[in-house]
Amino acid sequence: MALWDEEGSGYGDGYGYGEEGGPIIEQTSSSLSHYEIMTLARLLAFGLGVTGEEEEPYLLQVKNSVSAIKDILEQSHNASEAIRAEAQTVLEAHAESAQEYIQQVEQPDPPDFHPFVSMPEGTIVRDLPDGGRIFTLADGVLVRVNADGSLVSISRDGTAVTLEPASGGIVTLPDSRELILKPETIRVTHEAAGIEGLPLDIDPVQTAQGRYRVELPGGYRLDVSHDERTAVVGNPAGTVDILAIVRIEGVGEDIQVHLVPGGAKGFTAAESGHKGIIEADGTIHLSMANGLDLVIHFPENAGTGEEYGNDDVAPVICEERE
């Protein structure tokens, strides 16, 4: 098969290409397949860039176009992933908010058991018109907190018992169950307790209506009863001193008592070393062995300090001892 140049005069450059660098198709061939093959060869040569033309080869252009399309697809994919991640974050935030709402609906805030820290499971709280509250325990026992702060337990048979908080604000029911009062409900001011001279960082604790307790430095304890107009001092050694205008007595130790003009009484505790004067109106001036000088006042409408019935005779200690 001969290859001719475009002038039809020979073989071109001898390598099957004419002067313009393209394959020469023989003009005299009558075979259709020959023309098709040579056309494909020319296209392939152009695509491979072997024709010598300055334009980039066709296949290279296709490759570059495909690379550009790939870059665009990658950018689109990355943008889609970023949008998906952002949408996922928003969905998770909505899911978390929904879960919190569900928990709040399913788990409502616990009931307010004021003045108690907590109550047995199943307790129902009901506010009273006078400001008090009633706590109905699961077994039917009632605990009433009066507006004045006093506590009463009412059993299922209707028996009412006044409750007095012990040390630490612990209230013991008749069936031995213990309830704990919130600290802020049992602490009162020095003025409310009627006690002068206490350190500023020590607050009296109200143990019942008109009753107050103070833990003092050195292991001493002071209990004051407004209704009985009495102060009781507990000493570290275990002795107890009862101080009232109608009764001055030591339990576990002797107390020397002497009369003072105006109806007052002076006293000195032999072992603990406390001493002081009780005025005729019941005001107690107490100088304690730990260095505290206290003055205990009682309300004018409080009792006389009498702990006995109308038919009893109070064992008033008013003798003078040397």
C-alpha atoms as a PDB file:
ATOM      1  CA  MET A   1       0.000   0.000   0.000  1.00  0.00           C
ATOM      2  CA  ALA A   2       1.580   3.308  -1.107  1.00  0.00           C
ATOM      3  CA  LEU A   3       1.338   6.605   0.704  1.00  0.00           C
ATOM      4  CA  TRP A   4       1.338   9.769  -1.415  1.00  0.00           C
ATOM      5  CA  ASP A   5       1.632  13.414  -0.562  1.00  0.00           C
ATOM      6  CA  GLU A   6      -1.177  15.841  -1.176  1.00  0.00           C
ATOM      7  CA  GLU A   7       0.228  16.709  -4.581  1.00  0.00           C
ATOM      8  CA  GLY A   8       0.039  13.060  -5.487  1.00  0.00           C
ATOM      9  CA  SER A   9       3.710  13.072  -6.366  1.00  0.00           C
ATOM     10  CA  GLY A  10       5.536  10.552  -4.264  1.00  0.00           C
ATOM     11  CA  TYR A  11       5.823   9.393  -0.697  1.00  0.00           C
ATOM     12  CA  GLY A  12       6.163  12.711   1.147  1.00  0.00           C
ATOM     13  CA  ASP A  13       8.890  12.583   3.732  1.00  0.00           C
ATOM     14  CA  GLY A  14       9.212   8.866   3.406  1.00  0.00           C
ATOM     15  CA  TYR A  15       7.571   8.164   6.776  1.00  0.00           C
ATOM     16  CA  GLY A  16       3.935   8.339   5.731  1.00  0.00           C
ATOM     17  CA  TYR A  17       3.495  12.017   6.580  1.00  0.00           C
ATOM     18  CA  GLY A  18       3.144  15.001   4.286  1.00  0.00           C
ATOM     19  CA  GLU A  19       4.751  18.396   4.637  1.00  0.00           C
ATOM     20  CA  GLU A  20       2.163  19.511   7.210  1.00  0.00           C
ATOM     21  CA  GLY A  21       2.972  16.544   9.385  1.00  0.00           C
ATOM     22  CA  GLY A  22      -0.288  14.627   8.820  1.00  0.00           C
ATOM     23  CA  PRO A  23      -0.600  11.095   7.514  1.00  0.00           C
ATOM     24  CA  ILE A  24      -0.974  10.884   3.754  1.00  0.00           C
ATOM     25  CA  ILE A  25      -3.988   9.040   2.434  1.00  0.00           C
ATOM     26  CA  GLU A  26      -3.292   7.338  -0.867  1.00  0.00           C
ATOM     27  CA  GLN A  27      -5.386   9.003  -3.560  1.00  0.00           C
ATOM     28  CA  THR A  28      -5.443   6.041  -5.846  1.00  0.00           C
ATOM     29  CA  SER A  29      -6.756   3.478  -3.345  1.00  0.00           C
ATOM     30  CA  SER A  30     -10.256   2.265  -4.032  1.00  0.00           C
ATOM     31  CA  SER A  31     -10.695   0.343  -0.783  1.00  0.00           C
ATOM     32  CA  LEU A  32     -13.195   1.920   1.673  1.00  0.00           C
ATOM     33  CA  SER A  33     -11.612   0.179   4.635  1.00  0.00           C
ATOM     34  CA  HIS A  34      -8.294   1.684   3.636  1.00  0.00           C
ATOM     35  CA  TYR A  35      -9.701   5.176   3.865  1.00  0.00           C
ATOM     36  CA  GLU A  36     -11.364   4.436   7.242  1.00  0.00           C
ATOM     37  CA  ILE A  37      -8.164   3.023   8.704  1.00  0.00           C
ATOM     38  CA  MET A  38      -6.134   5.998   7.537  1.00  0.00           C
ATOM     39  CA  THR A  39      -8.735   8.399   8.952  1.00  0.00           C
ATOM     40  CA  LEU A  40      -8.586   6.674  12.319  1.00  0.00           C
ATOM     41  CA  ALA A  41      -4.797   6.728  12.198  1.00  0.00           C
ATOM     42  CA  ARG A  42      -4.864  10.477  11.512  1.00  0.00           C
ATOM     43  CA  LEU A  43      -7.269  11.069  14.436  1.00  0.00           C
ATOM     44  CA  LEU A  44      -5.138   8.916  16.729  1.00  0.00           C
ATOM     45  CA  ALA A  45      -2.012  10.776  15.734  1.00  0.00           C
ATOM     46  CA  PHE A  46      -3.736  14.091  16.400  1.00  0.00           C
ATOM     47  CA  GLY A  47      -4.976  12.877  19.733  1.00  0.00           C
ATOM     48  CA  LEU A  48      -1.535  11.679  20.781  1.00  0.00           C
ATOM     49  CA  GLY A  49       0.057  14.928  19.736  1.00  0.00           C
ATOM     50  CA  VAL A  50       2.505  13.454  17.217  1.00  0.00           C
ATOM     51  CA  THR A  51       1.417  15.674  14.378  1.00  0.00           C
ATOM     52  CA  GLY A  52       3.725  18.522  15.396  1.00  0.00           C
ATOM     53  CA  GLU A  53       0.939  21.049  15.899  1.00  0.00           C
ATOM     54  CA  GLU A  54       1.322  23.559  18.776  1.00  0.00           C
ATOM     55  CA  GLU A  55      -2.160  22.974  20.228  1.00  0.00           C
ATOM     56  CA  GLU A  56      -2.273  20.557  23.169  1.00  0.00           C
ATOM     57  CA  PRO A  57      -3.091  17.024  22.159  1.00  0.00           C
ATOM     58  CA  TYR A  58      -6.770  16.195  22.275  1.00  0.00           C
ATOM     59  CA  LEU A  59      -6.371  13.357  24.737  1.00  0.00           C
ATOM     60  CA  LEU A  60      -4.391  15.648  27.055  1.00  0.00           C
ATOM     61  CA  GLN A  61      -7.211  18.180  26.828  1.00  0.00           C
ATOM     62  CA  VAL A  62      -9.652  15.415  27.746  1.00  0.00           C
ATOM     63  CA  LYS A  63      -7.437  14.427  30.682  1.00  0.00           C
ATOM     64  CA  ASN A  64      -7.272  18.028  31.927  1.00  0.00           C
ATOM     65  CA  SER A  65     -11.012  18.413  31.573  1.00  0.00           C
ATOM     66  CA  VAL A  66     -11.609  15.216  33.509  1.00  0.00           C
ATOM     67  CA  SER A  67      -9.192  16.437  36.244  1.00  0.00           C
ATOM     68  CA  ALA A  68     -11.063  19.747  36.463  1.00  0.00           C
ATOM     69  CA  ILE A  69     -14.365  17.897  36.745  1.00  0.00           C
ATOM     70  CA  LYS A  70     -12.850  15.694  39.453  1.00  0.00           C
ATOM     71  CA  ASP A  71     -11.717  18.777  41.417  1.00  0.00           C
ATOM     72  CA  ILE A  72     -15.187  20.290  41.153  1.00  0.00           C
ATOM     73  CA  LEU A  73     -16.778  17.045  42.331  1.00  0.00           C
ATOM     74  CA  GLU A  74     -14.360  16.814  45.265  1.00  0.00           C
ATOM     75  CA  GLN A  75     -15.112  20.404  46.277  1.00  0.00           C
ATOM     76  CA  SER A  76     -18.835  19.708  46.022  1.00  0.00           C
ATOM     77  CA  HIS A  77     -18.433  16.555  48.099  1.00  0.00           C
ATOM     78  CA  ASN A  78     -16.428  18.400  50.780  1.00  0.00           C
ATOM     79  CA  ALA A  79     -19.039  21.164  50.888  1.00  0.00           C
ATOM     80  CA  SER A  80     -21.792  18.559  51.222  1.00  0.00           C
ATOM     81  CA  GLU A  81     -19.895  16.828  54.032  1.00  0.00           C
ATOM     82  CA  ALA A  82     -19.463  20.155  55.855  1.00  0.00           C
ATOM     83  CA  ILE A  83     -23.184  20.884  55.527  1.00  0.00           C
ATOM     84  CA  ARG A  84     -24.015  17.350  56.681  1.00  0.00           C
ATOM     85  CA  ALA A  85     -21.728  17.691  59.725  1.00  0.00           C
ATOM     86  CA  GLU A  86     -23.297  21.043  60.633  1.00  0.00           C
ATOM     87  CA  ALA A  87     -26.777  19.605  60.220  1.00  0.00           C
ATOM     88  CA  GLN A  88     -25.789  16.643  62.399  1.00  0.00           C
ATOM     89  CA  THR A  89     -24.564  19.000  65.112  1.00  0.00           C
ATOM     90  CA  VAL A  90     -27.851  20.916  65.023  1.00  0.00           C
ATOM     91  CA  LEU A  91     -29.847  17.684  65.145  1.00  0.00           C
ATOM     92  CA  GLU A  92     -27.830  16.427  68.115  1.00  0.00           C
ATOM     93  CA  ALA A  93     -28.373  19.729  69.935  1.00  0.00           C
ATOM     94  CA  HIS A  94     -32.131  19.490  69.299  1.00  0.00           C
ATOM     95  CA  ALA A  95     -32.120  15.876  70.457  1.00  0.00           C
ATOM     96  CA  GLU A  96     -30.299  16.829  73.672  1.00  0.00           C
ATOM     97  CA  SER A  97     -32.760  19.656  74.341  1.00  0.00           C
ATOM     98  CA  ALA A  98     -35.659  17.318  73.721  1.00  0.00           C
ATOM     99  CA  GLN A  99     -34.178  14.744  76.104  1.00  0.00           C
ATOM    100  CA  GLU A 100     -33.726  17.355  78.834  1.00  0.00           C
ATOM    101  CA  TYR A 101     -37.338  18.457  78.386  1.00  0.00           C
ATOM    102  CA  ILE A 102     -38.544  14.861  78.571  1.00  0.00           C
ATOM    103  CA  GLN A 103     -36.527  14.288  81.748  1.00  0.00           C
ATOM    104  CA  GLN A 104     -38.010  17.417  83.319  1.00  0.00           C
ATOM    105  CA  VAL A 105     -41.507  16.226  82.429  1.00  0.00           C
ATOM    106  CA  GLU A 106     -40.907  12.657  83.552  1.00  0.00           C
ATOM    107  CA  GLN A 107     -38.846  13.636  86.634  1.00  0.00           C
ATOM    108  CA  PRO A 108     -40.421  16.743  88.217  1.00  0.00           C
ATOM    109  CA  ASP A 109     -38.604  18.695  90.864  1.00  0.00           C
ATOM    110  CA  PRO A 110     -38.704  16.988  94.262  1.00  0.00           C
ATOM    111  CA  PRO A 111     -41.279  18.337  96.718  1.00  0.00           C
ATOM    112  CA  ASP A 112     -40.277  20.994  99.200  1.00  0.00           C
ATOM    113  CA  PHE A 113     -39.956  19.278 102.579  1.00  0.00           C
ATOM    114  CA  HIS A 114     -39.083  22.476 104.463  1.00  0.00           C
ATOM    115  CA  PRO A 115     -38.165  22.571 107.335  1.00  0.00           C
ATOM    116  CA  PHE A 116     -36.882  18.997 106.976  1.00  0.00           C
ATOM    117  CA  VAL A 117     -33.919  18.006 104.853  1.00  0.00           C
ATOM    118  CA  SER A 118     -35.839  15.013 103.510  1.00  0.00           C
ATOM    119  CA  MET A 119     -38.811  12.808 104.317  1.00  0.00           C
ATOM    120  CA  PRO A 120     -39.532   9.085 103.820  1.00  0.00           C
ATOM    121  CA  GLU A 121     -40.577   8.061 100.327  1.00  0.00           C
ATOM    122  CA  GLY A 122     -44.274   8.508  99.669  1.00  0.00           C
ATOM    123  CA  THR A 123     -44.687  11.515 101.998  1.00  0.00           C
ATOM    124  CA  ILE A 124     -47.351  14.038 100.945  1.00  0.00           C
ATOM    125  CA  VAL A 125     -46.942  17.718 101.881  1.00  0.00           C
ATOM    126  CA  ARG A 126     -49.900  20.027 102.476  1.00  0.00           C
ATOM    127  CA  ASP A 127     -49.709  23.716 103.413  1.00  0.00           C
ATOM    128  CA  LEU A 128     -52.072  24.993 106.103  1.00  0.00           C
ATOM    129  CA  PRO A 129     -53.918  28.346 106.046  1.00  0.00           C
ATOM    130  CA  ASP A 130     -52.177  29.504 109.234  1.00  0.00           C
ATOM    131  CA  GLY A 131     -48.712  29.091 107.690  1.00  0.00           C
ATOM    132  CA  GLY A 132     -48.019  25.642 109.073  1.00  0.00           C
ATOM    133  CA  ARG A 133     -47.543  22.428 107.113  1.00  0.00           C
ATOM    134  CA  ILE A 134     -48.675  18.830 107.459  1.00  0.00           C
ATOM    135  CA  PHE A 135     -46.555  15.921 106.285  1.00  0.00           C
ATOM    136  CA  THR A 136     -48.509  12.718 105.744  1.00  0.00           C
ATOM    137  CA  LEU A 137     -46.160   9.753 105.770  1.00  0.00           C
ATOM    138  CA  ALA A 138     -46.851   6.687 103.642  1.00  0.00           C
ATOM    139  CA  ASP A 139     -48.016   4.690 106.690  1.00  0.00           C
ATOM    140  CA  GLY A 140     -50.515   7.366 107.751  1.00  0.00           C
ATOM    141  CA  VAL A 141     -48.460   9.038 110.501  1.00  0.00           C
ATOM    142  CA  LEU A 142     -48.779  12.843 110.456  1.00  0.00           C
ATOM    143  CA  VAL A 143     -46.073  15.348 111.288  1.00  0.00           C
ATOM    144  CA  ARG A 144     -47.377  18.872 111.790  1.00  0.00           C
ATOM    145  CA  VAL A 145     -45.119  21.913 111.671  1.00  0.00           C
ATOM    146  CA  ASN A 146     -46.929  24.835 113.281  1.00  0.00           C
ATOM    147  CA  ALA A 147     -46.474  28.420 112.182  1.00  0.00           C
ATOM    148  CA  ASP A 148     -44.457  29.119 115.347  1.00  0.00           C
ATOM    149  CA  GLY A 149     -41.996  26.334 114.456  1.00  0.00           C
ATOM    150  CA  SER A 150     -43.174  23.780 116.990  1.00  0.00           C
ATOM    151  CA  LEU A 151     -43.446  20.165 115.841  1.00  0.00           C
ATOM    152  CA  VAL A 152     -46.173  17.621 116.608  1.00  0.00           C
ATOM    153  CA  SER A 153     -46.427  13.974 115.614  1.00  0.00           C
ATOM    154  CA  ILE A 154     -49.908  12.451 115.257  1.00  0.00           C
ATOM    155  CA  SER A 155     -50.073   8.665 115.119  1.00  0.00           C
ATOM    156  CA  ARG A 156     -52.742   6.688 113.260  1.00  0.00           C
ATOM    157  CA  ASP A 157     -54.765   6.281 116.452  1.00  0.00           C
ATOM    158  CA  GLY A 158     -54.830  10.068 116.919  1.00  0.00           C
ATOM    159  CA  THR A 159     -52.219  10.294 119.682  1.00  0.00           C
ATOM    160  CA  ALA A 160     -50.357  13.628 119.477  1.00  0.00           C
ATOM    161  CA  VAL A 161     -46.789  13.975 120.743  1.00  0.00           C
ATOM    162  CA  THR A 162     -44.766  17.177 120.819  1.00  0.00           C
ATOM    163  CA  LEU A 163     -41.389  16.681 119.150  1.00  0.00           C
ATOM    164  CA  GLU A 164     -38.246  18.370 120.389  1.00  0.00           C
ATOM    165  CA  PRO A 165     -35.167  18.423 118.140  1.00  0.00           C
ATOM    166  CA  ALA A 166     -32.032  16.928 119.625  1.00  0.00           C
ATOM    167  CA  SER A 167     -28.417  17.859 118.943  1.00  0.00           C
ATOM    168  CA  GLY A 168     -27.792  18.357 115.251  1.00  0.00           C
ATOM    169  CA  GLY A 169     -31.440  19.103 114.525  1.00  0.00           C
ATOM    170  CA  ILE A 170     -32.511  15.447 114.673  1.00  0.00           C
ATOM    171  CA  VAL A 171     -36.209  14.877 115.380  1.00  0.00           C
ATOM    172  CA  THR A 172     -37.162  11.397 116.594  1.00  0.00           C
ATOM    173  CA  LEU A 173     -40.714  10.185 116.003  1.00  0.00           C
ATOM    174  CA  PRO A 174     -42.446   7.972 118.599  1.00  0.00           C
ATOM    175  CA  ASP A 175     -41.731   4.940 116.375  1.00  0.00           C
ATOM    176  CA  SER A 176     -37.974   5.773 116.491  1.00  0.00           C
ATOM    177  CA  ARG A 177     -37.770   7.087 112.938  1.00  0.00           C
ATOM    178  CA  GLU A 178     -35.492  10.126 112.682  1.00  0.00           C
ATOM    179  CA  LEU A 179     -36.008  13.297 110.665  1.00  0.00           C
ATOM    180  CA  ILE A 180     -33.360  15.965 110.165  1.00  0.00           C
ATOM    181  CA  LEU A 181     -34.210  19.657 110.207  1.00  0.00           C
ATOM    182  CA  LYS A 182     -32.511  22.116 107.867  1.00  0.00           C
ATOM    183  CA  PRO A 183     -29.820  24.082 109.729  1.00  0.00           C
ATOM    184  CA  GLU A 184     -31.293  27.461 108.801  1.00  0.00           C
ATOM    185  CA  THR A 185     -34.604  26.565 110.406  1.00  0.00           C
ATOM    186  CA  ILE A 186     -33.194  25.810 113.841  1.00  0.00           C
ATOM    187  CA  ARG A 187     -30.585  28.561 114.119  1.00  0.00           C
ATOM    188  CA  VAL A 188     -31.777  31.807 115.648  1.00  0.00           C
ATOM    189  CA  THR A 189     -30.202  35.136 116.543  1.00  0.00           C
ATOM    190  CA  HIS A 190     -28.714  35.880 119.922  1.00  0.00           C
ATOM    191  CA  GLU A 191     -31.517  38.377 120.526  1.00  0.00           C
ATOM    192  CA  ALA A 192     -34.239  35.822 119.708  1.00  0.00           C
ATOM    193  CA  ALA A 193     -32.743  33.409 122.215  1.00  0.00           C
ATOM    194  CA  GLY A 194     -32.310  36.213 124.742  1.00  0.00           C
ATOM    195  CA  ILE A 195     -28.620  35.448 125.320  1.00  0.00           C
ATOM    196  CA  GLU A 196     -26.064  38.248 125.523  1.00  0.00           C
ATOM    197  CA  GLY A 197     -22.292  37.780 125.316  1.00  0.00           C
ATOM    198  CA  LEU A 198     -22.093  34.844 122.907  1.00  0.00           C
ATOM    199  CA  PRO A 199     -19.228  34.772 120.383  1.00  0.00           C
ATOM    200  CA  LEU A 200     -20.364  36.145 117.016  1.00  0.00           C
ATOM    201  CA  ASP A 201     -19.673  32.870 115.226  1.00  0.00           C
ATOM    202  CA  ILE A 202     -21.928  30.845 117.542  1.00  0.00           C
ATOM    203  CA  ASP A 203     -25.660  30.789 116.862  1.00  0.00           C
ATOM    204  CA  PRO A 204     -28.258  29.360 119.236  1.00  0.00           C
ATOM    205  CA  VAL A 205     -30.374  26.484 117.976  1.00  0.00           C
ATOM    206  CA  GLN A 206     -34.112  26.447 118.619  1.00  0.00           C
ATOM    207  CA  THR A 207     -34.979  22.988 119.893  1.00  0.00           C
ATOM    208  CA  ALA A 208     -38.650  23.741 120.513  1.00  0.00           C
ATOM    209  CA  GLN A 209     -40.933  26.698 120.978  1.00  0.00           C
ATOM    210  CA  GLY A 210     -39.215  28.930 123.548  1.00  0.00           C
ATOM    211  CA  ARG A 211     -36.282  26.501 124.002  1.00  0.00           C
ATOM    212  CA  TYR A 212     -32.746  27.154 122.780  1.00  0.00           C
ATOM    213  CA  ARG A 213     -29.449  25.312 122.916  1.00  0.00           C
ATOM    214  CA  VAL A 214     -25.905  26.614 122.483  1.00  0.00           C
ATOM    215  CA  GLU A 215     -22.736  24.564 122.123  1.00  0.00           C
ATOM    216  CA  LEU A 216     -19.981  26.587 123.815  1.00  0.00           C
ATOM    217  CA  PRO A 217     -16.171  26.422 123.681  1.00  0.00           C
ATOM    218  CA  GLY A 218     -14.530  23.938 126.016  1.00  0.00           C
ATOM    219  CA  GLY A 219     -17.264  21.303 125.708  1.00  0.00           C
ATOM    220  CA  TYR A 220     -19.929  23.275 127.613  1.00  0.00           C
ATOM    221  CA  ARG A 221     -23.584  23.320 126.602  1.00  0.00           C
ATOM    222  CA  LEU A 222     -26.219  25.865 127.524  1.00  0.00           C
ATOM    223  CA  ASP A 223     -29.968  25.164 127.341  1.00  0.00           C
ATOM    224  CA  VAL A 224     -32.383  28.037 127.883  1.00  0.00           C
ATOM    225  CA  SER A 225     -36.142  27.727 128.427  1.00  0.00           C
ATOM    226  CA  HIS A 226     -38.122  30.950 128.174  1.00  0.00           C
ATOM    227  CA  ASP A 227     -41.324  29.417 129.508  1.00  0.00           C
ATOM    228  CA  GLU A 228     -39.582  28.032 132.602  1.00  0.00           C
ATOM    229  CA  ARG A 229     -37.210  31.035 132.865  1.00  0.00           C
ATOM    230  CA  THR A 230     -34.404  28.553 133.397  1.00  0.00           C
ATOM    231  CA  ALA A 231     -30.859  28.048 132.127  1.00  0.00           C
ATOM    232  CA  VAL A 232     -29.161  24.666 132.324  1.00  0.00           C
ATOM    233  CA  VAL A 233     -25.387  24.375 131.946  1.00  0.00           C
ATOM    234  CA  GLY A 234     -23.903  21.036 130.921  1.00  0.00           C
ATOM    235  CA  ASN A 235     -20.242  20.667 131.886  1.00  0.00           C
ATOM    236  CA  PRO A 236     -17.543  18.531 130.210  1.00  0.00           C
ATOM    237  CA  ALA A 237     -17.173  16.490 133.414  1.00  0.00           C
ATOM    238  CA  GLY A 238     -20.806  15.403 133.166  1.00  0.00           C
ATOM    239  CA  THR A 239     -22.173  17.632 135.913  1.00  0.00           C
ATOM    240  CA  VAL A 240     -25.208  19.827 135.318  1.00  0.00           C
ATOM    241  CA  ASP A 241     -26.092  23.224 136.816  1.00  0.00           C
ATOM    242  CA  ILE A 242     -29.767  24.301 136.903  1.00  0.00           C
ATOM    243  CA  LEU A 243     -30.203  28.057 137.234  1.00  0.00           C
ATOM    244  CA  ALA A 244     -33.541  29.820 137.893  1.00  0.00           C
ATOM    245  CA  ILE A 245     -34.807  32.346 140.420  1.00  0.00           C
ATOM    246  CA  VAL A 246     -36.945  29.624 142.008  1.00  0.00           C
ATOM    247  CA  ARG A 247     -34.371  26.863 141.714  1.00  0.00           C
ATOM    248  CA  ILE A 248     -30.577  26.804 141.873  1.00  0.00           C
ATOM    249  CA  GLU A 249     -29.300  23.282 141.928  1.00  0.00           C
ATOM    250  CA  GLY A 250     -26.273  21.277 140.925  1.00  0.00           C
ATOM    251  CA  VAL A 251     -26.462  17.710 139.628  1.00  0.00           C
ATOM    252  CA  GLY A 252     -23.173  15.995 140.373  1.00  0.00           C
ATOM    253  CA  GLU A 253     -21.701  19.030 142.095  1.00  0.00           C
ATOM    254  CA  ASP A 254     -22.534  21.422 144.943  1.00  0.00           C
ATOM    255  CA  ILE A 255     -23.596  25.027 144.326  1.00  0.00           C
ATOM    256  CA  GLN A 256     -23.172  27.673 147.005  1.00  0.00           C
ATOM    257  CA  VAL A 257     -26.105  30.099 147.050  1.00  0.00           C
ATOM    258  CA  HIS A 258     -26.341  33.408 148.886  1.00  0.00           C
ATOM    259  CA  LEU A 259     -29.031  36.038 149.024  1.00  0.00           C
ATOM    260  CA  VAL A 260     -28.487  39.463 147.513  1.00  0.00           C
ATOM    261  CA  PRO A 261     -30.465  42.593 148.518  1.00  0.00           C
ATOM    262  CA  GLY A 262     -33.457  43.258 146.252  1.00  0.00           C
ATOM    263  CA  GLY A 263     -34.518  39.640 145.975  1.00  0.00           C
ATOM    264  CA  ALA A 264     -31.606  38.520 143.823  1.00  0.00           C
ATOM    265  CA  LYS A 265     -29.480  35.418 144.458  1.00  0.00           C
ATOM    266  CA  GLY A 266     -25.805  34.806 143.946  1.00  0.00           C
ATOM    267  CA  PHE A 267     -24.320  31.379 143.225  1.00  0.00           C
ATOM    268  CA  THR A 268     -20.978  29.647 142.822  1.00  0.00           C
ATOM    269  CA  ALA A 269     -20.523  26.122 141.447  1.00  0.00           C
ATOM    270  CA  ALA A 270     -17.946  24.288 143.525  1.00  0.00           C
ATOM    271  CA  GLU A 271     -16.493  21.970 140.880  1.00  0.00           C
ATOM    272  CA  SER A 272     -17.128  23.629 137.508  1.00  0.00           C
ATOM    273  CA  GLY A 273     -16.325  27.120 138.802  1.00  0.00           C
ATOM    274  CA  HIS A 274     -19.324  28.939 137.292  1.00  0.00           C
ATOM    275  CA  LYS A 275     -20.689  31.828 139.276  1.00  0.00           C
ATOM    276  CA  GLY A 276     -23.148  34.659 138.906  1.00  0.00           C
ATOM    277  CA  ILE A 277     -26.301  36.404 140.046  1.00  0.00           C
ATOM    278  CA  ILE A 278     -29.968  35.799 139.240  1.00  0.00           C
ATOM    279  CA  GLU A 279     -32.085  38.932 139.489  1.00  0.00           C
ATOM    280  CA  ALA A 280     -35.562  38.913 141.014  1.00  0.00           C
ATOM    281  CA  ASP A 281     -37.193  39.075 137.549  1.00  0.00           C
ATOM    282  CA  GLY A 282     -35.266  35.934 136.534  1.00  0.00           C
ATOM    283  CA  THR A 283     -32.497  37.568 134.468  1.00  0.00           C
ATOM    284  CA  ILE A 284     -29.352  35.443 134.817  1.00  0.00           C
ATOM    285  CA  HIS A 285     -25.832  36.884 134.875  1.00  0.00           C
ATOM    286  CA  LEU A 286     -23.509  33.945 134.318  1.00  0.00           C
ATOM    287  CA  SER A 287     -19.729  34.048 134.451  1.00  0.00           C
ATOM    288  CA  MET A 288     -18.543  30.729 133.037  1.00  0.00           C
ATOM    289  CA  ALA A 289     -15.328  28.891 133.709  1.00  0.00           C
ATOM    290  CA  ASN A 290     -14.411  29.081 129.983  1.00  0.00           C
ATOM    291  CA  GLY A 291     -14.208  32.882 130.207  1.00  0.00           C
ATOM    292  CA  LEU A 292     -17.592  33.811 128.752  1.00  0.00           C
ATOM    293  CA  ASP A 293     -19.756  36.339 130.578  1.00  0.00           C
ATOM    294  CA  LEU A 294     -23.374  35.809 129.552  1.00  0.00           C
ATOM    295  CA  VAL A 295     -26.608  37.592 130.354  1.00  0.00           C
ATOM    296  CA  ILE A 296     -29.789  35.578 129.793  1.00  0.00           C
ATOM    297  CA  HIS A 297     -33.013  37.540 129.427  1.00  0.00           C
ATOM    298  CA  PHE A 298     -36.552  36.155 129.469  1.00  0.00           C
ATOM    299  CA  PRO A 299     -39.658  37.648 127.822  1.00  0.00           C
ATOM    300  CA  GLU A 300     -41.929  39.552 130.148  1.00  0.00           C
ATOM    301  CA  ASN A 301     -44.867  37.283 129.389  1.00  0.00           C
ATOM    302  CA  ALA A 302     -42.846  34.081 129.997  1.00  0.00           C
ATOM    303  CA  GLY A 303     -43.529  31.755 132.930  1.00  0.00           C
ATOM    304  CA  THR A 304     -42.212  32.168 136.431  1.00  0.00           C
ATOM    305  CA  GLY A 305     -39.846  29.245 136.250  1.00  0.00           C
ATOM    306  CA  GLU A 306     -42.210  27.056 138.232  1.00  0.00           C
ATOM    307  CA  GLU A 307     -42.085  23.424 137.050  1.00  0.00           C
ATOM    308  CA  TYR A 308     -44.556  22.013 139.524  1.00  0.00           C
ATOM    309  CA  GLY A 309     -48.327  21.769 139.790  1.00  0.00           C
ATOM    310  CA  ASN A 310     -50.488  24.178 141.739  1.00  0.00           C
ATOM    311  CA  ASP A 311     -50.615  21.788 144.697  1.00  0.00           C
ATOM    312  CA  ASP A 312     -46.877  21.170 144.791  1.00  0.00           C
ATOM    313  CA  VAL A 313     -44.327  23.143 146.714  1.00  0.00           C
ATOM    314  CA  ALA A 314     -41.221  24.027 144.751  1.00  0.00           C
ATOM    315  CA  PRO A 315     -38.011  23.031 146.527  1.00  0.00           C
ATOM    316  CA  VAL A 316     -36.510  26.506 146.345  1.00  0.00           C
ATOM    317  CA  ILE A 317     -32.891  26.505 147.435  1.00  0.00           C
ATOM    318  CA  CYS A 318     -32.185  29.831 149.093  1.00  0.00           C
ATOM    319  CA  GLU A 319     -29.803  28.928 151.875  1.00  0.00           C
ATOM    320  CA  GLU A 320     -26.454  30.589 152.287  1.00  0.00           C
ATOM    321  CA  ARG A 321     -23.480  28.273 152.404  1.00  0.00           C
ATOM    322  CA  GLU A 322     -20.009  29.107 153.566  1.00  0.00           C
END
